[in-house]
Amino acid sequence: MRPEPDQKEDKQERYQITGWILFIVCALFFAAAGLKNCDILTFAGSMVFLIACIVFLIPLIGR
């Protein structure tokens, strides 16, 4: 028995949201590593990546 299209879309959306949340966690770890090592370039890159992840996550959560 195949799942209904709505169920399949919901499952895909959950996977996408989970993936973006994991990217956000990674960005936070990279930012922490940059701060710990006093590496401003790593920290700045991590913040840009974090903001980009949040921007991509907003439309998924807004549904």
N, C-alpha and C. Protein backbone atom coordinates (compact mmCIF):
# COMPACT_ATOMS: atom_id res chain seq x y z
N MET A 1 0.84 -1.16 0.00
CA MET A 1 0.00 0.00 0.00
C MET A 1 0.89 1.25 0.00
N ARG A 2 0.64 2.16 -0.93
CA ARG A 2 1.43 3.38 -1.05
C ARG A 2 0.87 4.47 -0.16
N PRO A 3 1.78 5.30 0.40
CA PRO A 3 1.28 6.42 1.20
C PRO A 3 0.60 7.46 0.32
N GLU A 4 -0.36 8.14 0.90
CA GLU A 4 -1.06 9.20 0.18
C GLU A 4 -0.08 10.33 -0.14
N PRO A 5 -0.33 11.09 -1.21
CA PRO A 5 0.58 12.18 -1.58
C PRO A 5 0.81 13.18 -0.45
N ASP A 6 -0.23 13.49 0.33
CA ASP A 6 -0.07 14.44 1.44
C ASP A 6 0.89 13.90 2.49
N GLN A 7 0.79 12.61 2.78
CA GLN A 7 1.68 11.99 3.76
C GLN A 7 3.12 12.01 3.27
N LYS A 8 3.29 11.76 1.99
CA LYS A 8 4.63 11.74 1.40
C LYS A 8 5.25 13.14 1.45
N GLU A 9 4.46 14.17 1.13
CA GLU A 9 4.94 15.55 1.18
C GLU A 9 5.27 15.96 2.60
N ASP A 10 4.44 15.56 3.56
CA ASP A 10 4.71 15.87 4.97
C ASP A 10 6.01 15.24 5.43
N LYS A 11 6.24 14.00 5.01
CA LYS A 11 7.46 13.29 5.40
C LYS A 11 8.68 13.97 4.79
N GLN A 12 8.59 14.36 3.53
CA GLN A 12 9.70 15.06 2.88
C GLN A 12 9.98 16.39 3.56
N GLU A 13 8.93 17.10 3.92
CA GLU A 13 9.10 18.39 4.60
C GLU A 13 9.76 18.21 5.96
N ARG A 14 9.40 17.16 6.69
CA ARG A 14 10.04 16.90 7.98
C ARG A 14 11.52 16.62 7.81
N TYR A 15 11.88 15.85 6.78
CA TYR A 15 13.29 15.57 6.49
C TYR A 15 14.04 16.85 6.16
N GLN A 16 13.43 17.72 5.37
CA GLN A 16 14.07 18.98 5.01
C GLN A 16 14.29 19.86 6.24
N ILE A 17 13.28 19.97 7.07
CA ILE A 17 13.40 20.78 8.29
C ILE A 17 14.48 20.20 9.20
N THR A 18 14.50 18.89 9.35
CA THR A 18 15.51 18.24 10.18
C THR A 18 16.91 18.52 9.64
N GLY A 19 17.07 18.44 8.33
CA GLY A 19 18.36 18.71 7.72
C GLY A 19 18.82 20.14 7.96
N TRP A 20 17.92 21.11 7.80
CA TRP A 20 18.29 22.51 8.02
C TRP A 20 18.62 22.76 9.48
N ILE A 21 17.91 22.12 10.39
CA ILE A 21 18.22 22.28 11.81
C ILE A 21 19.60 21.72 12.12
N LEU A 22 19.95 20.60 11.50
CA LEU A 22 21.29 20.04 11.70
C LEU A 22 22.37 20.96 11.14
N PHE A 23 22.09 21.60 10.00
CA PHE A 23 23.03 22.58 9.45
C PHE A 23 23.22 23.74 10.43
N ILE A 24 22.13 24.18 11.06
CA ILE A 24 22.21 25.27 12.04
C ILE A 24 23.07 24.86 13.23
N VAL A 25 22.89 23.63 13.70
CA VAL A 25 23.71 23.13 14.81
C VAL A 25 25.19 23.12 14.41
N CYS A 26 25.48 22.68 13.19
CA CYS A 26 26.86 22.68 12.71
C CYS A 26 27.43 24.09 12.66
N ALA A 27 26.64 25.04 12.18
CA ALA A 27 27.09 26.44 12.12
C ALA A 27 27.41 26.96 13.51
N LEU A 28 26.61 26.59 14.50
CA LEU A 28 26.87 27.03 15.87
C LEU A 28 28.16 26.43 16.41
N PHE A 29 28.43 25.16 16.09
CA PHE A 29 29.68 24.53 16.52
C PHE A 29 30.89 25.18 15.85
N PHE A 30 30.78 25.49 14.56
CA PHE A 30 31.87 26.17 13.88
C PHE A 30 32.10 27.56 14.46
N ALA A 31 31.02 28.26 14.80
CA ALA A 31 31.15 29.58 15.41
C ALA A 31 31.84 29.47 16.76
N ALA A 32 31.47 28.48 17.55
CA ALA A 32 32.10 28.28 18.85
C ALA A 32 33.59 27.96 18.68
N ALA A 33 33.93 27.16 17.69
CA ALA A 33 35.33 26.84 17.44
C ALA A 33 36.09 28.09 17.02
N GLY A 34 35.46 28.92 16.21
CA GLY A 34 36.10 30.17 15.80
C GLY A 34 36.35 31.09 16.98
N LEU A 35 35.39 31.18 17.87
CA LEU A 35 35.57 32.02 19.06
C LEU A 35 36.66 31.46 19.98
N LYS A 36 36.65 30.15 20.15
CA LYS A 36 37.64 29.51 21.02
C LYS A 36 39.05 29.74 20.51
N ASN A 37 39.23 29.69 19.19
CA ASN A 37 40.56 29.85 18.60
C ASN A 37 40.87 31.30 18.21
N CYS A 38 39.98 32.21 18.59
CA CYS A 38 40.14 33.64 18.25
C CYS A 38 40.33 33.83 16.74
N ASP A 39 39.59 33.07 15.97
CA ASP A 39 39.67 33.14 14.50
C ASP A 39 38.42 33.88 14.00
N ILE A 40 38.58 35.15 13.73
CA ILE A 40 37.43 35.98 13.35
C ILE A 40 36.86 35.57 12.00
N LEU A 41 37.72 35.10 11.09
CA LEU A 41 37.24 34.69 9.77
C LEU A 41 36.34 33.45 9.87
N THR A 42 36.73 32.48 10.68
CA THR A 42 35.88 31.30 10.88
C THR A 42 34.57 31.68 11.54
N PHE A 43 34.65 32.55 12.53
CA PHE A 43 33.44 32.99 13.21
C PHE A 43 32.50 33.74 12.25
N ALA A 44 33.06 34.65 11.47
CA ALA A 44 32.24 35.43 10.53
C ALA A 44 31.61 34.52 9.48
N GLY A 45 32.38 33.58 8.95
CA GLY A 45 31.83 32.63 7.97
C GLY A 45 30.73 31.78 8.57
N SER A 46 30.91 31.40 9.80
CA SER A 46 29.89 30.59 10.49
C SER A 46 28.60 31.39 10.68
N MET A 47 28.73 32.66 10.99
CA MET A 47 27.55 33.49 11.17
C MET A 47 26.80 33.69 9.85
N VAL A 48 27.55 33.89 8.76
CA VAL A 48 26.90 34.02 7.46
C VAL A 48 26.18 32.72 7.10
N PHE A 49 26.84 31.59 7.35
CA PHE A 49 26.22 30.29 7.07
C PHE A 49 24.98 30.08 7.93
N LEU A 50 25.05 30.47 9.20
CA LEU A 50 23.90 30.35 10.10
C LEU A 50 22.72 31.17 9.61
N ILE A 51 22.98 32.40 9.21
CA ILE A 51 21.91 33.26 8.70
C ILE A 51 21.30 32.68 7.43
N ALA A 52 22.15 32.16 6.54
CA ALA A 52 21.65 31.55 5.30
C ALA A 52 20.76 30.34 5.61
N CYS A 53 21.16 29.53 6.57
CA CYS A 53 20.35 28.36 6.94
C CYS A 53 18.99 28.79 7.47
N ILE A 54 18.98 29.82 8.29
CA ILE A 54 17.72 30.32 8.84
C ILE A 54 16.82 30.85 7.73
N VAL A 55 17.42 31.56 6.77
CA VAL A 55 16.64 32.10 5.65
C VAL A 55 16.00 30.96 4.85
N PHE A 56 16.74 29.88 4.63
CA PHE A 56 16.17 28.74 3.90
C PHE A 56 15.12 28.00 4.73
N LEU A 57 15.22 28.06 6.04
CA LEU A 57 14.29 27.34 6.92
C LEU A 57 12.96 28.08 7.08
N ILE A 58 12.96 29.38 6.96
CA ILE A 58 11.76 30.19 7.19
C ILE A 58 10.56 29.74 6.33
N PRO A 59 10.72 29.55 5.02
CA PRO A 59 9.55 29.14 4.22
C PRO A 59 9.01 27.76 4.61
N LEU A 60 9.89 26.87 5.07
CA LEU A 60 9.44 25.54 5.46
C LEU A 60 8.61 25.59 6.73
N ILE A 61 9.01 26.42 7.67
CA ILE A 61 8.29 26.52 8.93
C ILE A 61 7.00 27.31 8.74
N GLY A 62 7.01 28.25 7.80
CA GLY A 62 5.84 29.09 7.58
C GLY A 62 4.64 28.36 7.00
N ARG A 63 4.83 27.17 6.50
CA ARG A 63 3.72 26.41 5.89
C ARG A 63 2.77 25.85 6.89
